[in-house]
PDB file of N, CA and C in Angstrom:
ATOM      1  N   MET A   1       0.841  -1.174   0.000  1.00  0.00           N
ATOM      2  CA  MET A   1       0.000   0.000   0.000  1.00  0.00           C
ATOM      3  C   MET A   1       0.890   1.243   0.000  1.00  0.00           C
ATOM      4  N   THR A   2       0.624   2.145  -0.920  1.00  0.00           N
ATOM      5  CA  THR A   2       1.400   3.370  -1.043  1.00  0.00           C
ATOM      6  C   THR A   2       0.677   4.496  -0.315  1.00  0.00           C
ATOM      7  N   THR A   3       1.450   5.239   0.444  1.00  0.00           N
ATOM      8  CA  THR A   3       0.890   6.383   1.147  1.00  0.00           C
ATOM      9  C   THR A   3       1.358   7.652   0.452  1.00  0.00           C
ATOM     10  N   THR A   4       0.424   8.522   0.150  1.00  0.00           N
ATOM     11  CA  THR A   4       0.755   9.792  -0.476  1.00  0.00           C
ATOM     12  C   THR A   4       0.714  10.877   0.589  1.00  0.00           C
ATOM     13  N   THR A   5       1.806  11.616   0.653  1.00  0.00           N
ATOM     14  CA  THR A   5       1.857  12.725   1.594  1.00  0.00           C
ATOM     15  C   THR A   5       1.708  14.016   0.812  1.00  0.00           C
ATOM     16  N   ILE A   6       0.767  14.822   1.218  1.00  0.00           N
ATOM     17  CA  ILE A   6       0.571  16.113   0.577  1.00  0.00           C
ATOM     18  C   ILE A   6       1.342  17.146   1.378  1.00  0.00           C
ATOM     19  N   THR A   7       2.209  17.857   0.694  1.00  0.00           N
ATOM     20  CA  THR A   7       2.996  18.877   1.373  1.00  0.00           C
ATOM     21  C   THR A   7       2.530  20.260   0.948  1.00  0.00           C
ATOM     22  N   ASP A   8       2.775  21.203   1.800  1.00  0.00           N
ATOM     23  CA  ASP A   8       2.387  22.582   1.562  1.00  0.00           C
ATOM     24  C   ASP A   8       3.324  23.189   0.515  1.00  0.00           C
ATOM     25  N   PRO A   9       2.779  23.732  -0.573  1.00  0.00           N
ATOM     26  CA  PRO A   9       3.647  24.281  -1.620  1.00  0.00           C
ATOM     27  C   PRO A   9       4.498  25.463  -1.135  1.00  0.00           C
ATOM     28  N   TRP A  10       3.980  26.270  -0.228  1.00  0.00           N
ATOM     29  CA  TRP A  10       4.764  27.390   0.306  1.00  0.00           C
ATOM     30  C   TRP A  10       5.966  26.856   1.085  1.00  0.00           C
ATOM     31  N   ILE A  11       5.735  25.854   1.910  1.00  0.00           N
ATOM     32  CA  ILE A  11       6.845  25.269   2.672  1.00  0.00           C
ATOM     33  C   ILE A  11       7.854  24.627   1.720  1.00  0.00           C
ATOM     34  N   GLU A  12       7.379  23.952   0.694  1.00  0.00           N
ATOM     35  CA  GLU A  12       8.295  23.343  -0.283  1.00  0.00           C
ATOM     36  C   GLU A  12       9.154  24.407  -0.971  1.00  0.00           C
ATOM     37  N   ARG A  13       8.550  25.547  -1.336  1.00  0.00           N
ATOM     38  CA  ARG A  13       9.337  26.624  -1.953  1.00  0.00           C
ATOM     39  C   ARG A  13      10.399  27.146  -1.003  1.00  0.00           C
ATOM     40  N   GLN A  14      10.053  27.264   0.288  1.00  0.00           N
ATOM     41  CA  GLN A  14      11.019  27.765   1.265  1.00  0.00           C
ATOM     42  C   GLN A  14      12.149  26.757   1.485  1.00  0.00           C
ATOM     43  N   ILE A  15      11.837  25.469   1.421  1.00  0.00           N
ATOM     44  CA  ILE A  15      12.877  24.440   1.534  1.00  0.00           C
ATOM     45  C   ILE A  15      13.805  24.526   0.324  1.00  0.00           C
ATOM     46  N   THR A  16      13.227  24.641  -0.870  1.00  0.00           N
ATOM     47  CA  THR A  16      14.016  24.747  -2.095  1.00  0.00           C
ATOM     48  C   THR A  16      14.932  25.970  -2.064  1.00  0.00           C
ATOM     49  N   ARG A  17      14.440  27.071  -1.523  1.00  0.00           N
ATOM     50  CA  ARG A  17      15.239  28.303  -1.431  1.00  0.00           C
ATOM     51  C   ARG A  17      16.300  28.236  -0.342  1.00  0.00           C
ATOM     52  N   GLY A  18      16.239  27.207   0.490  1.00  0.00           N
ATOM     53  CA  GLY A  18      17.208  27.071   1.568  1.00  0.00           C
ATOM     54  C   GLY A  18      16.829  27.809   2.839  1.00  0.00           C
ATOM     55  N   HIS A  19      15.612  28.332   2.891  1.00  0.00           N
ATOM     56  CA  HIS A  19      15.160  29.021   4.094  1.00  0.00           C
ATOM     57  C   HIS A  19      14.738  28.052   5.192  1.00  0.00           C
ATOM     58  N   LEU A  20      14.131  26.950   4.796  1.00  0.00           N
ATOM     59  CA  LEU A  20      13.647  25.977   5.769  1.00  0.00           C
ATOM     60  C   LEU A  20      14.315  24.627   5.530  1.00  0.00           C
ATOM     61  N   ALA A  21      14.463  23.884   6.600  1.00  0.00           N
ATOM     62  CA  ALA A  21      14.991  22.521   6.519  1.00  0.00           C
ATOM     63  C   ALA A  21      13.847  21.570   6.155  1.00  0.00           C
ATOM     64  N   PRO A  22      14.156  20.398   5.614  1.00  0.00           N
ATOM     65  CA  PRO A  22      13.109  19.438   5.253  1.00  0.00           C
ATOM     66  C   PRO A  22      12.171  19.083   6.409  1.00  0.00           C
ATOM     67  N   GLY A  23      12.650  19.180   7.638  1.00  0.00           N
ATOM     68  CA  GLY A  23      11.791  18.902   8.788  1.00  0.00           C
ATOM     69  C   GLY A  23      10.612  19.845   8.906  1.00  0.00           C
ATOM     70  N   ALA A  24      10.661  20.981   8.201  1.00  0.00           N
ATOM     71  CA  ALA A  24       9.561  21.949   8.239  1.00  0.00           C
ATOM     72  C   ALA A  24       8.286  21.384   7.624  1.00  0.00           C
ATOM     73  N   ARG A  25       8.416  20.304   6.858  1.00  0.00           N
ATOM     74  CA  ARG A  25       7.223  19.675   6.270  1.00  0.00           C
ATOM     75  C   ARG A  25       6.251  19.212   7.347  1.00  0.00           C
ATOM     76  N   GLU A  26       6.745  19.006   8.539  1.00  0.00           N
ATOM     77  CA  GLU A  26       5.911  18.560   9.656  1.00  0.00           C
ATOM     78  C   GLU A  26       5.216  19.719  10.374  1.00  0.00           C
ATOM     79  N   LEU A  27       5.546  20.963  10.003  1.00  0.00           N
ATOM     80  CA  LEU A  27       5.060  22.148  10.720  1.00  0.00           C
ATOM     81  C   LEU A  27       3.983  22.877   9.928  1.00  0.00           C
ATOM     82  N   SER A  28       3.236  23.714  10.622  1.00  0.00           N
ATOM     83  CA  SER A  28       2.326  24.632   9.943  1.00  0.00           C
ATOM     84  C   SER A  28       3.166  25.749   9.333  1.00  0.00           C
ATOM     85  N   ARG A  29       2.588  26.493   8.429  1.00  0.00           N
ATOM     86  CA  ARG A  29       3.298  27.632   7.833  1.00  0.00           C
ATOM     87  C   ARG A  29       3.766  28.609   8.915  1.00  0.00           C
ATOM     88  N   GLU A  30       2.866  28.917   9.830  1.00  0.00           N
ATOM     89  CA  GLU A  30       3.183  29.887  10.880  1.00  0.00           C
ATOM     90  C   GLU A  30       4.319  29.402  11.765  1.00  0.00           C
ATOM     91  N   ASP A  31       4.277  28.119  12.135  1.00  0.00           N
ATOM     92  CA  ASP A  31       5.337  27.564  12.983  1.00  0.00           C
ATOM     93  C   ASP A  31       6.670  27.522  12.237  1.00  0.00           C
ATOM     94  N   ALA A  32       6.630  27.174  10.952  1.00  0.00           N
ATOM     95  CA  ALA A  32       7.864  27.119  10.165  1.00  0.00           C
ATOM     96  C   ALA A  32       8.480  28.506  10.027  1.00  0.00           C
ATOM     97  N   ALA A  33       7.660  29.511   9.737  1.00  0.00           N
ATOM     98  CA  ALA A  33       8.176  30.877   9.610  1.00  0.00           C
ATOM     99  C   ALA A  33       8.715  31.371  10.943  1.00  0.00           C
ATOM    100  N   ALA A  34       8.001  31.097  12.027  1.00  0.00           N
ATOM    101  CA  ALA A  34       8.456  31.523  13.357  1.00  0.00           C
ATOM    102  C   ALA A  34       9.783  30.862  13.706  1.00  0.00           C
ATOM    103  N   GLN A  35       9.914  29.570  13.388  1.00  0.00           N
ATOM    104  CA  GLN A  35      11.153  28.854  13.662  1.00  0.00           C
ATOM    105  C   GLN A  35      12.311  29.455  12.856  1.00  0.00           C
ATOM    106  N   TYR A  36      12.081  29.750  11.583  1.00  0.00           N
ATOM    107  CA  TYR A  36      13.105  30.364  10.734  1.00  0.00           C
ATOM    108  C   TYR A  36      13.523  31.725  11.291  1.00  0.00           C
ATOM    109  N   ASN A  37      12.537  32.551  11.609  1.00  0.00           N
ATOM    110  CA  ASN A  37      12.834  33.893  12.117  1.00  0.00           C
ATOM    111  C   ASN A  37      13.580  33.831  13.444  1.00  0.00           C
ATOM    112  N   GLU A  38      13.166  32.927  14.317  1.00  0.00           N
ATOM    113  CA  GLU A  38      13.822  32.784  15.620  1.00  0.00           C
ATOM    114  C   GLU A  38      15.248  32.253  15.466  1.00  0.00           C
ATOM    115  N   ALA A  39      15.422  31.235  14.634  1.00  0.00           N
ATOM    116  CA  ALA A  39      16.748  30.639  14.444  1.00  0.00           C
ATOM    117  C   ALA A  39      17.742  31.629  13.857  1.00  0.00           C
ATOM    118  N   ASN A  40      17.236  32.587  13.074  1.00  0.00           N
ATOM    119  CA  ASN A  40      18.095  33.574  12.438  1.00  0.00           C
ATOM    120  C   ASN A  40      18.051  34.926  13.145  1.00  0.00           C
ATOM    121  N   ALA A  41      17.419  34.961  14.329  1.00  0.00           N
ATOM    122  CA  ALA A  41      17.296  36.187  15.129  1.00  0.00           C
ATOM    123  C   ALA A  41      16.746  37.347  14.302  1.00  0.00           C
ATOM    124  N   LEU A  42      15.702  37.048  13.512  1.00  0.00           N
ATOM    125  CA  LEU A  42      15.102  38.063  12.654  1.00  0.00           C
ATOM    126  C   LEU A  42      13.880  38.686  13.321  1.00  0.00           C
ATOM    127  N   GLU A  43      13.784  39.974  13.174  1.00  0.00           N
ATOM    128  CA  GLU A  43      12.637  40.746  13.648  1.00  0.00           C
ATOM    129  C   GLU A  43      11.899  41.286  12.419  1.00  0.00           C
ATOM    130  N   PRO A  44      10.656  41.734  12.580  1.00  0.00           N
ATOM    131  CA  PRO A  44       9.927  42.296  11.436  1.00  0.00           C
ATOM    132  C   PRO A  44      10.631  43.491  10.775  1.00  0.00           C
ATOM    133  N   THR A  45      11.605  44.071  11.431  1.00  0.00           N
ATOM    134  CA  THR A  45      12.366  45.174  10.840  1.00  0.00           C
ATOM    135  C   THR A  45      13.443  44.688   9.878  1.00  0.00           C
ATOM    136  N   ASP A  46      13.762  43.402   9.907  1.00  0.00           N
ATOM    137  CA  ASP A  46      14.820  42.838   9.066  1.00  0.00           C
ATOM    138  C   ASP A  46      14.301  42.510   7.669  1.00  0.00           C
ATOM    139  N   PRO A  47      15.083  42.827   6.627  1.00  0.00           N
ATOM    140  CA  PRO A  47      14.628  42.537   5.262  1.00  0.00           C
ATOM    141  C   PRO A  47      14.505  41.055   4.951  1.00  0.00           C
ATOM    142  N   ASP A  48      15.150  40.193   5.732  1.00  0.00           N
ATOM    143  CA  ASP A  48      15.059  38.744   5.511  1.00  0.00           C
ATOM    144  C   ASP A  48      13.971  38.083   6.349  1.00  0.00           C
ATOM    145  N   PHE A  49      13.203  38.872   7.100  1.00  0.00           N
ATOM    146  CA  PHE A  49      12.117  38.335   7.917  1.00  0.00           C
ATOM    147  C   PHE A  49      11.185  37.548   7.006  1.00  0.00           C
ATOM    148  N   LEU A  50      10.755  36.386   7.455  1.00  0.00           N
ATOM    149  CA  LEU A  50       9.914  35.504   6.645  1.00  0.00           C
ATOM    150  C   LEU A  50       8.457  35.587   7.099  1.00  0.00           C
ATOM    151  N   TYR A  51       7.610  36.060   6.192  1.00  0.00           N
ATOM    152  CA  TYR A  51       6.167  36.089   6.408  1.00  0.00           C
ATOM    153  C   TYR A  51       5.542  34.915   5.673  1.00  0.00           C
ATOM    154  N   THR A  52       4.515  34.330   6.258  1.00  0.00           N
ATOM    155  CA  THR A  52       3.699  33.391   5.498  1.00  0.00           C
ATOM    156  C   THR A  52       2.824  34.240   4.573  1.00  0.00           C
ATOM    157  N   PRO A  53       2.231  33.639   3.549  1.00  0.00           N
ATOM    158  CA  PRO A  53       1.343  34.429   2.690  1.00  0.00           C
ATOM    159  C   PRO A  53       0.204  35.095   3.468  1.00  0.00           C
ATOM    160  N   GLY A  54      -0.389  34.377   4.404  1.00  0.00           N
ATOM    161  CA  GLY A  54      -1.475  34.961   5.198  1.00  0.00           C
ATOM    162  C   GLY A  54      -1.007  36.102   6.085  1.00  0.00           C
ATOM    163  N   GLN A  55       0.161  35.938   6.693  1.00  0.00           N
ATOM    164  CA  GLN A  55       0.708  37.006   7.527  1.00  0.00           C
ATOM    165  C   GLN A  55       1.010  38.239   6.686  1.00  0.00           C
ATOM    166  N   ALA A  56       1.571  38.039   5.499  1.00  0.00           N
ATOM    167  CA  ALA A  56       1.899  39.161   4.616  1.00  0.00           C
ATOM    168  C   ALA A  56       0.634  39.925   4.224  1.00  0.00           C
ATOM    169  N   GLN A  57      -0.425  39.203   3.942  1.00  0.00           N
ATOM    170  CA  GLN A  57      -1.690  39.855   3.583  1.00  0.00           C
ATOM    171  C   GLN A  57      -2.216  40.710   4.741  1.00  0.00           C
ATOM    172  N   ALA A  58      -2.174  40.160   5.948  1.00  0.00           N
ATOM    173  CA  ALA A  58      -2.670  40.883   7.126  1.00  0.00           C
ATOM    174  C   ALA A  58      -1.828  42.121   7.412  1.00  0.00           C
ATOM    175  N   VAL A  59      -0.510  41.991   7.348  1.00  0.00           N
ATOM    176  CA  VAL A  59       0.381  43.127   7.603  1.00  0.00           C
ATOM    177  C   VAL A  59       0.174  44.197   6.536  1.00  0.00           C
ATOM    178  N   ALA A  60       0.044  43.785   5.287  1.00  0.00           N
ATOM    179  CA  ALA A  60      -0.183  44.742   4.202  1.00  0.00           C
ATOM    180  C   ALA A  60      -1.490  45.504   4.418  1.00  0.00           C
ATOM    181  N   ARG A  61      -2.555  44.793   4.752  1.00  0.00           N
ATOM    182  CA  ARG A  61      -3.850  45.454   4.992  1.00  0.00           C
ATOM    183  C   ARG A  61      -3.759  46.467   6.130  1.00  0.00           C
ATOM    184  N   ASP A  62      -3.090  46.086   7.230  1.00  0.00           N
ATOM    185  CA  ASP A  62      -2.943  46.994   8.369  1.00  0.00           C
ATOM    186  C   ASP A  62      -2.163  48.239   7.975  1.00  0.00           C
ATOM    187  N   ALA A  63      -1.061  48.049   7.258  1.00  0.00           N
ATOM    188  CA  ALA A  63      -0.240  49.188   6.846  1.00  0.00           C
ATOM    189  C   ALA A  63      -0.999  50.070   5.862  1.00  0.00           C
ATOM    190  N   LEU A  64      -1.689  49.462   4.926  1.00  0.00           N
ATOM    191  CA  LEU A  64      -2.434  50.232   3.930  1.00  0.00           C
ATOM    192  C   LEU A  64      -3.556  51.046   4.566  1.00  0.00           C
ATOM    193  N   ALA A  65      -4.145  50.534   5.624  1.00  0.00           N
ATOM    194  CA  ALA A  65      -5.209  51.257   6.314  1.00  0.00           C
ATOM    195  C   ALA A  65      -4.701  52.594   6.851  1.00  0.00           C
ATOM    196  N   THR A  66      -3.401  52.676   7.185  1.00  0.00           N
ATOM    197  CA  THR A  66      -2.858  53.939   7.714  1.00  0.00           C
ATOM    198  C   THR A  66      -2.744  55.016   6.643  1.00  0.00           C
ATOM    199  N   ILE A  67      -2.814  54.613   5.370  1.00  0.00           N
ATOM    200  CA  ILE A  67      -2.815  55.613   4.294  1.00  0.00           C
ATOM    201  C   ILE A  67      -4.170  55.626   3.585  1.00  0.00           C
ATOM    202  N   ASP A  68      -5.193  55.224   4.322  1.00  0.00           N
ATOM    203  CA  ASP A  68      -6.581  55.259   3.868  1.00  0.00           C
ATOM    204  C   ASP A  68      -6.865  54.399   2.631  1.00  0.00           C
ATOM    205  N   ILE A  69      -6.148  53.308   2.506  1.00  0.00           N
ATOM    206  CA  ILE A  69      -6.478  52.308   1.492  1.00  0.00           C
ATOM    207  C   ILE A  69      -7.040  51.113   2.246  1.00  0.00           C
ATOM    208  N   ASP A  70      -8.351  50.951   2.158  1.00  0.00           N
ATOM    209  CA  ASP A  70      -9.012  49.850   2.842  1.00  0.00           C
ATOM    210  C   ASP A  70      -9.223  48.708   1.864  1.00  0.00           C
ATOM    211  N   VAL A  71      -8.559  47.603   2.143  1.00  0.00           N
ATOM    212  CA  VAL A  71      -8.648  46.424   1.291  1.00  0.00           C
ATOM    213  C   VAL A  71      -9.598  45.432   1.956  1.00  0.00           C
ATOM    214  N   ASP A  72     -10.623  45.055   1.229  1.00  0.00           N
ATOM    215  CA  ASP A  72     -11.588  44.084   1.730  1.00  0.00           C
ATOM    216  C   ASP A  72     -10.853  42.795   2.097  1.00  0.00           C
ATOM    217  N   HIS A  73     -11.252  42.170   3.200  1.00  0.00           N
ATOM    218  CA  HIS A  73     -10.586  40.945   3.664  1.00  0.00           C
ATOM    219  C   HIS A  73     -10.755  39.781   2.692  1.00  0.00           C
ATOM    220  N   ALA A  74     -11.720  39.859   1.803  1.00  0.00           N
ATOM    221  CA  ALA A  74     -11.895  38.807   0.807  1.00  0.00           C
ATOM    222  C   ALA A  74     -10.974  39.008  -0.401  1.00  0.00           C
ATOM    223  N   ALA A  75     -10.395  40.207  -0.524  1.00  0.00           N
ATOM    224  CA  ALA A  75      -9.503  40.501  -1.654  1.00  0.00           C
ATOM    225  C   ALA A  75      -8.052  40.245  -1.272  1.00  0.00           C
ATOM    226  N   ARG A  76      -7.264  39.800  -2.229  1.00  0.00           N
ATOM    227  CA  ARG A  76      -5.827  39.586  -2.023  1.00  0.00           C
ATOM    228  C   ARG A  76      -5.076  40.849  -2.391  1.00  0.00           C
ATOM    229  N   VAL A  77      -4.070  41.186  -1.606  1.00  0.00           N
ATOM    230  CA  VAL A  77      -3.168  42.279  -1.939  1.00  0.00           C
ATOM    231  C   VAL A  77      -2.146  41.706  -2.910  1.00  0.00           C
ATOM    232  N   VAL A  78      -2.042  42.318  -4.085  1.00  0.00           N
ATOM    233  CA  VAL A  78      -1.160  41.839  -5.144  1.00  0.00           C
ATOM    234  C   VAL A  78      -0.345  43.017  -5.663  1.00  0.00           C
ATOM    235  N   LEU A  79       0.951  42.798  -5.876  1.00  0.00           N
ATOM    236  CA  LEU A  79       1.818  43.842  -6.404  1.00  0.00           C
ATOM    237  C   LEU A  79       1.734  43.880  -7.926  1.00  0.00           C
ATOM    238  N   THR A  80       1.905  45.088  -8.467  1.00  0.00           N
ATOM    239  CA  THR A  80       1.850  45.262  -9.913  1.00  0.00           C
ATOM    240  C   THR A  80       2.800  46.374 -10.340  1.00  0.00           C
ATOM    241  N   ASP A  81       3.252  46.297 -11.563  1.00  0.00           N
ATOM    242  CA  ASP A  81       3.987  47.399 -12.177  1.00  0.00           C
ATOM    243  C   ASP A  81       3.029  48.277 -12.976  1.00  0.00           C
ATOM    244  N   GLY A  82       1.802  47.851 -13.064  1.00  0.00           N
ATOM    245  CA  GLY A  82       0.786  48.562 -13.833  1.00  0.00           C
ATOM    246  C   GLY A  82      -0.053  49.470 -12.959  1.00  0.00           C
ATOM    247  N   ARG A  83      -1.281  49.617 -13.363  1.00  0.00           N
ATOM    248  CA  ARG A  83      -2.217  50.501 -12.676  1.00  0.00           C
ATOM    249  C   ARG A  83      -2.726  49.860 -11.388  1.00  0.00           C
ATOM    250  N   ALA A  84      -2.647  50.618 -10.307  1.00  0.00           N
ATOM    251  CA  ALA A  84      -3.091  50.130  -9.001  1.00  0.00           C
ATOM    252  C   ALA A  84      -4.590  50.338  -8.834  1.00  0.00           C
ATOM    253  N   GLY A  85      -5.152  49.576  -7.906  1.00  0.00           N
ATOM    254  CA  GLY A  85      -6.558  49.737  -7.565  1.00  0.00           C
ATOM    255  C   GLY A  85      -7.256  48.397  -7.450  1.00  0.00           C
ATOM    256  N   PRO A  86      -8.527  48.446  -7.069  1.00  0.00           N
ATOM    257  CA  PRO A  86      -9.275  47.196  -6.891  1.00  0.00           C
ATOM    258  C   PRO A  86      -9.533  46.499  -8.224  1.00  0.00           C
ATOM    259  N   ARG A  87      -9.431  45.180  -8.197  1.00  0.00           N
ATOM    260  CA  ARG A  87      -9.738  44.325  -9.333  1.00  0.00           C
ATOM    261  C   ARG A  87     -10.588  43.174  -8.810  1.00  0.00           C
ATOM    262  N   ALA A  88     -11.065  42.347  -9.671  1.00  0.00           N
ATOM    263  CA  ALA A  88     -11.884  41.216  -9.263  1.00  0.00           C
ATOM    264  C   ALA A  88     -11.103  40.313  -8.312  1.00  0.00           C
ATOM    265  N   GLY A  89     -11.449  40.334  -7.035  1.00  0.00           N
ATOM    266  CA  GLY A  89     -10.825  39.464  -6.046  1.00  0.00           C
ATOM    267  C   GLY A  89      -9.462  39.900  -5.565  1.00  0.00           C
ATOM    268  N   ALA A  90      -8.985  41.058  -6.023  1.00  0.00           N
ATOM    269  CA  ALA A  90      -7.651  41.507  -5.619  1.00  0.00           C
ATOM    270  C   ALA A  90      -7.615  43.030  -5.506  1.00  0.00           C
ATOM    271  N   TYR A  91      -6.584  43.502  -4.835  1.00  0.00           N
ATOM    272  CA  TYR A  91      -6.298  44.935  -4.803  1.00  0.00           C
ATOM    273  C   TYR A  91      -4.857  45.070  -5.256  1.00  0.00           C
ATOM    274  N   LEU A  92      -4.651  45.673  -6.429  1.00  0.00           N
ATOM    275  CA  LEU A  92      -3.323  45.810  -6.997  1.00  0.00           C
ATOM    276  C   LEU A  92      -2.641  47.055  -6.450  1.00  0.00           C
ATOM    277  N   LEU A  93      -1.384  46.899  -6.078  1.00  0.00           N
ATOM    278  CA  LEU A  93      -0.606  48.001  -5.512  1.00  0.00           C
ATOM    279  C   LEU A  93       0.778  48.048  -6.120  1.00  0.00           C
ATOM    280  N   ASN A  94       1.313  49.243  -6.222  1.00  0.00           N
ATOM    281  CA  ASN A  94       2.688  49.428  -6.644  1.00  0.00           C
ATOM    282  C   ASN A  94       3.595  49.298  -5.434  1.00  0.00           C
ATOM    283  N   VAL A  95       4.842  48.950  -5.675  1.00  0.00           N
ATOM    284  CA  VAL A  95       5.820  48.803  -4.597  1.00  0.00           C
ATOM    285  C   VAL A  95       5.908  50.086  -3.779  1.00  0.00           C
ATOM    286  N   GLY A  96       5.888  51.237  -4.438  1.00  0.00           N
ATOM    287  CA  GLY A  96       5.962  52.515  -3.736  1.00  0.00           C
ATOM    288  C   GLY A  96       4.816  52.717  -2.757  1.00  0.00           C
ATOM    289  N   GLN A  97       3.642  52.211  -3.085  1.00  0.00           N
ATOM    290  CA  GLN A  97       2.511  52.322  -2.168  1.00  0.00           C
ATOM    291  C   GLN A  97       2.749  51.492  -0.911  1.00  0.00           C
ATOM    292  N   ILE A  98       3.317  50.307  -1.072  1.00  0.00           N
ATOM    293  CA  ILE A  98       3.633  49.474   0.089  1.00  0.00           C
ATOM    294  C   ILE A  98       4.697  50.166   0.933  1.00  0.00           C
ATOM    295  N   GLU A  99       5.740  50.677   0.286  1.00  0.00           N
ATOM    296  CA  GLU A  99       6.804  51.368   1.027  1.00  0.00           C
ATOM    297  C   GLU A  99       6.244  52.569   1.786  1.00  0.00           C
ATOM    298  N   GLY A 100       5.393  53.354   1.134  1.00  0.00           N
ATOM    299  CA  GLY A 100       4.772  54.501   1.793  1.00  0.00           C
ATOM    300  C   GLY A 100       3.875  54.088   2.949  1.00  0.00           C
ATOM    301  N   ALA A 101       3.139  53.001   2.754  1.00  0.00           N
ATOM    302  CA  ALA A 101       2.251  52.498   3.807  1.00  0.00           C
ATOM    303  C   ALA A 101       3.056  52.035   5.016  1.00  0.00           C
ATOM    304  N   ILE A 102       4.180  51.371   4.773  1.00  0.00           N
ATOM    305  CA  ILE A 102       5.027  50.896   5.875  1.00  0.00           C
ATOM    306  C   ILE A 102       5.608  52.083   6.635  1.00  0.00           C
ATOM    307  N   ASP A 103       6.053  53.114   5.918  1.00  0.00           N
ATOM    308  CA  ASP A 103       6.563  54.326   6.581  1.00  0.00           C
ATOM    309  C   ASP A 103       5.482  54.985   7.425  1.00  0.00           C
ATOM    310  N   GLN A 104       4.301  55.129   6.864  1.00  0.00           N
ATOM    311  CA  GLN A 104       3.197  55.760   7.598  1.00  0.00           C
ATOM    312  C   GLN A 104       2.773  54.900   8.787  1.00  0.00           C
ATOM    313  N   HIS A 105       2.770  53.593   8.607  1.00  0.00           N
ATOM    314  CA  HIS A 105       2.432  52.665   9.691  1.00  0.00           C
ATOM    315  C   HIS A 105       3.372  52.878  10.883  1.00  0.00           C
ATOM    316  N   ARG A 106       4.675  53.048  10.587  1.00  0.00           N
ATOM    317  CA  ARG A 106       5.662  53.289  11.645  1.00  0.00           C
ATOM    318  C   ARG A 106       5.359  54.605  12.364  1.00  0.00           C
ATOM    319  N   LEU A 107       5.010  55.638  11.607  1.00  0.00           N
ATOM    320  CA  LEU A 107       4.711  56.935  12.217  1.00  0.00           C
ATOM    321  C   LEU A 107       3.455  56.885  13.084  1.00  0.00           C
ATOM    322  N   VAL A 108       2.463  56.134  12.643  1.00  0.00           N
ATOM    323  CA  VAL A 108       1.186  56.058  13.366  1.00  0.00           C
ATOM    324  C   VAL A 108       1.266  55.131  14.571  1.00  0.00           C
ATOM    325  N   THR A 109       1.892  53.963  14.395  1.00  0.00           N
ATOM    326  CA  THR A 109       1.868  52.951  15.455  1.00  0.00           C
ATOM    327  C   THR A 109       3.162  52.862  16.253  1.00  0.00           C
ATOM    328  N   GLY A 110       4.258  53.371  15.693  1.00  0.00           N
ATOM    329  CA  GLY A 110       5.559  53.224  16.338  1.00  0.00           C
ATOM    330  C   GLY A 110       6.203  51.873  16.044  1.00  0.00           C
ATOM    331  N   GLU A 111       5.507  51.009  15.303  1.00  0.00           N
ATOM    332  CA  GLU A 111       6.017  49.680  14.973  1.00  0.00           C
ATOM    333  C   GLU A 111       6.795  49.743  13.663  1.00  0.00           C
ATOM    334  N   SER A 112       8.066  49.380  13.718  1.00  0.00           N
ATOM    335  CA  SER A 112       8.891  49.369  12.511  1.00  0.00           C
ATOM    336  C   SER A 112       8.791  48.010  11.836  1.00  0.00           C
ATOM    337  N   LEU A 113       8.587  48.046  10.535  1.00  0.00           N
ATOM    338  CA  LEU A 113       8.524  46.838   9.718  1.00  0.00           C
ATOM    339  C   LEU A 113       9.435  47.027   8.515  1.00  0.00           C
ATOM    340  N   SER A 114       9.870  45.942   7.936  1.00  0.00           N
ATOM    341  CA  SER A 114      10.676  46.004   6.722  1.00  0.00           C
ATOM    342  C   SER A 114       9.767  45.944   5.506  1.00  0.00           C
ATOM    343  N   ALA A 115       9.785  47.003   4.713  1.00  0.00           N
ATOM    344  CA  ALA A 115       9.028  46.998   3.464  1.00  0.00           C
ATOM    345  C   ALA A 115       9.567  45.916   2.534  1.00  0.00           C
ATOM    346  N   ASP A 116      10.891  45.716   2.536  1.00  0.00           N
ATOM    347  CA  ASP A 116      11.493  44.702   1.666  1.00  0.00           C
ATOM    348  C   ASP A 116      10.977  43.304   1.990  1.00  0.00           C
ATOM    349  N   ALA A 117      10.878  42.980   3.284  1.00  0.00           N
ATOM    350  CA  ALA A 117      10.388  41.653   3.681  1.00  0.00           C
ATOM    351  C   ALA A 117       8.941  41.465   3.249  1.00  0.00           C
ATOM    352  N   LEU A 118       8.143  42.516   3.401  1.00  0.00           N
ATOM    353  CA  LEU A 118       6.736  42.416   3.017  1.00  0.00           C
ATOM    354  C   LEU A 118       6.599  42.298   1.503  1.00  0.00           C
ATOM    355  N   ILE A 119       7.342  43.094   0.767  1.00  0.00           N
ATOM    356  CA  ILE A 119       7.293  43.044  -0.693  1.00  0.00           C
ATOM    357  C   ILE A 119       7.714  41.664  -1.190  1.00  0.00           C
ATOM    358  N   GLN A 120       8.719  41.099  -0.558  1.00  0.00           N
ATOM    359  CA  GLN A 120       9.197  39.755  -0.929  1.00  0.00           C
ATOM    360  C   GLN A 120       8.095  38.699  -0.737  1.00  0.00           C
ATOM    361  N   ALA A 121       7.230  38.918   0.256  1.00  0.00           N
ATOM    362  CA  ALA A 121       6.212  37.922   0.602  1.00  0.00           C
ATOM    363  C   ALA A 121       4.911  38.061  -0.177  1.00  0.00           C
ATOM    364  N   LEU A 122       4.669  39.222  -0.785  1.00  0.00           N
ATOM    365  CA  LEU A 122       3.416  39.437  -1.498  1.00  0.00           C
ATOM    366  C   LEU A 122       3.514  38.925  -2.932  1.00  0.00           C
ATOM    367  N   PRO A 123       2.387  38.430  -3.455  1.00  0.00           N
ATOM    368  CA  PRO A 123       2.394  37.937  -4.833  1.00  0.00           C
ATOM    369  C   PRO A 123       2.397  39.093  -5.846  1.00  0.00           C
ATOM    370  N   TRP A 124       2.865  38.807  -7.043  1.00  0.00           N
ATOM    371  CA  TRP A 124       2.876  39.763  -8.151  1.00  0.00           C
ATOM    372  C   TRP A 124       1.836  39.376  -9.180  1.00  0.00           C
ATOM    373  N   GLU A 125       1.302  40.386  -9.843  1.00  0.00           N
ATOM    374  CA  GLU A 125       0.349  40.175 -10.935  1.00  0.00           C
ATOM    375  C   GLU A 125       1.107  39.703 -12.144  1.00  0.00           C
TER     376      GLU A 125
END
């Protein structure tokens, strides 16, 4: 009898990139990212900080809210080199908008985050 193991594609990509060890296949995305960040002494201010896709979406929405861009929780935040704005099921943003949102987020909340880490974690159109 053959057993098929389904692995998380995000975790597999992180293993391939050398960010996670093969043992991460046993972990949730959140636990794997936390383990990576802790093992490398990374804070959200570090450009190599590892966000899961869900964490990146939540952080992006929070930061964007500080510059009055409200993204519906059902929509995905997606980066684009084209025209920004709401699309079917997504909200397209330019890198500069994310960088500006992160700067404003720091001014409003006092919490410093790395725009580079967030940009690295968000999907592109």
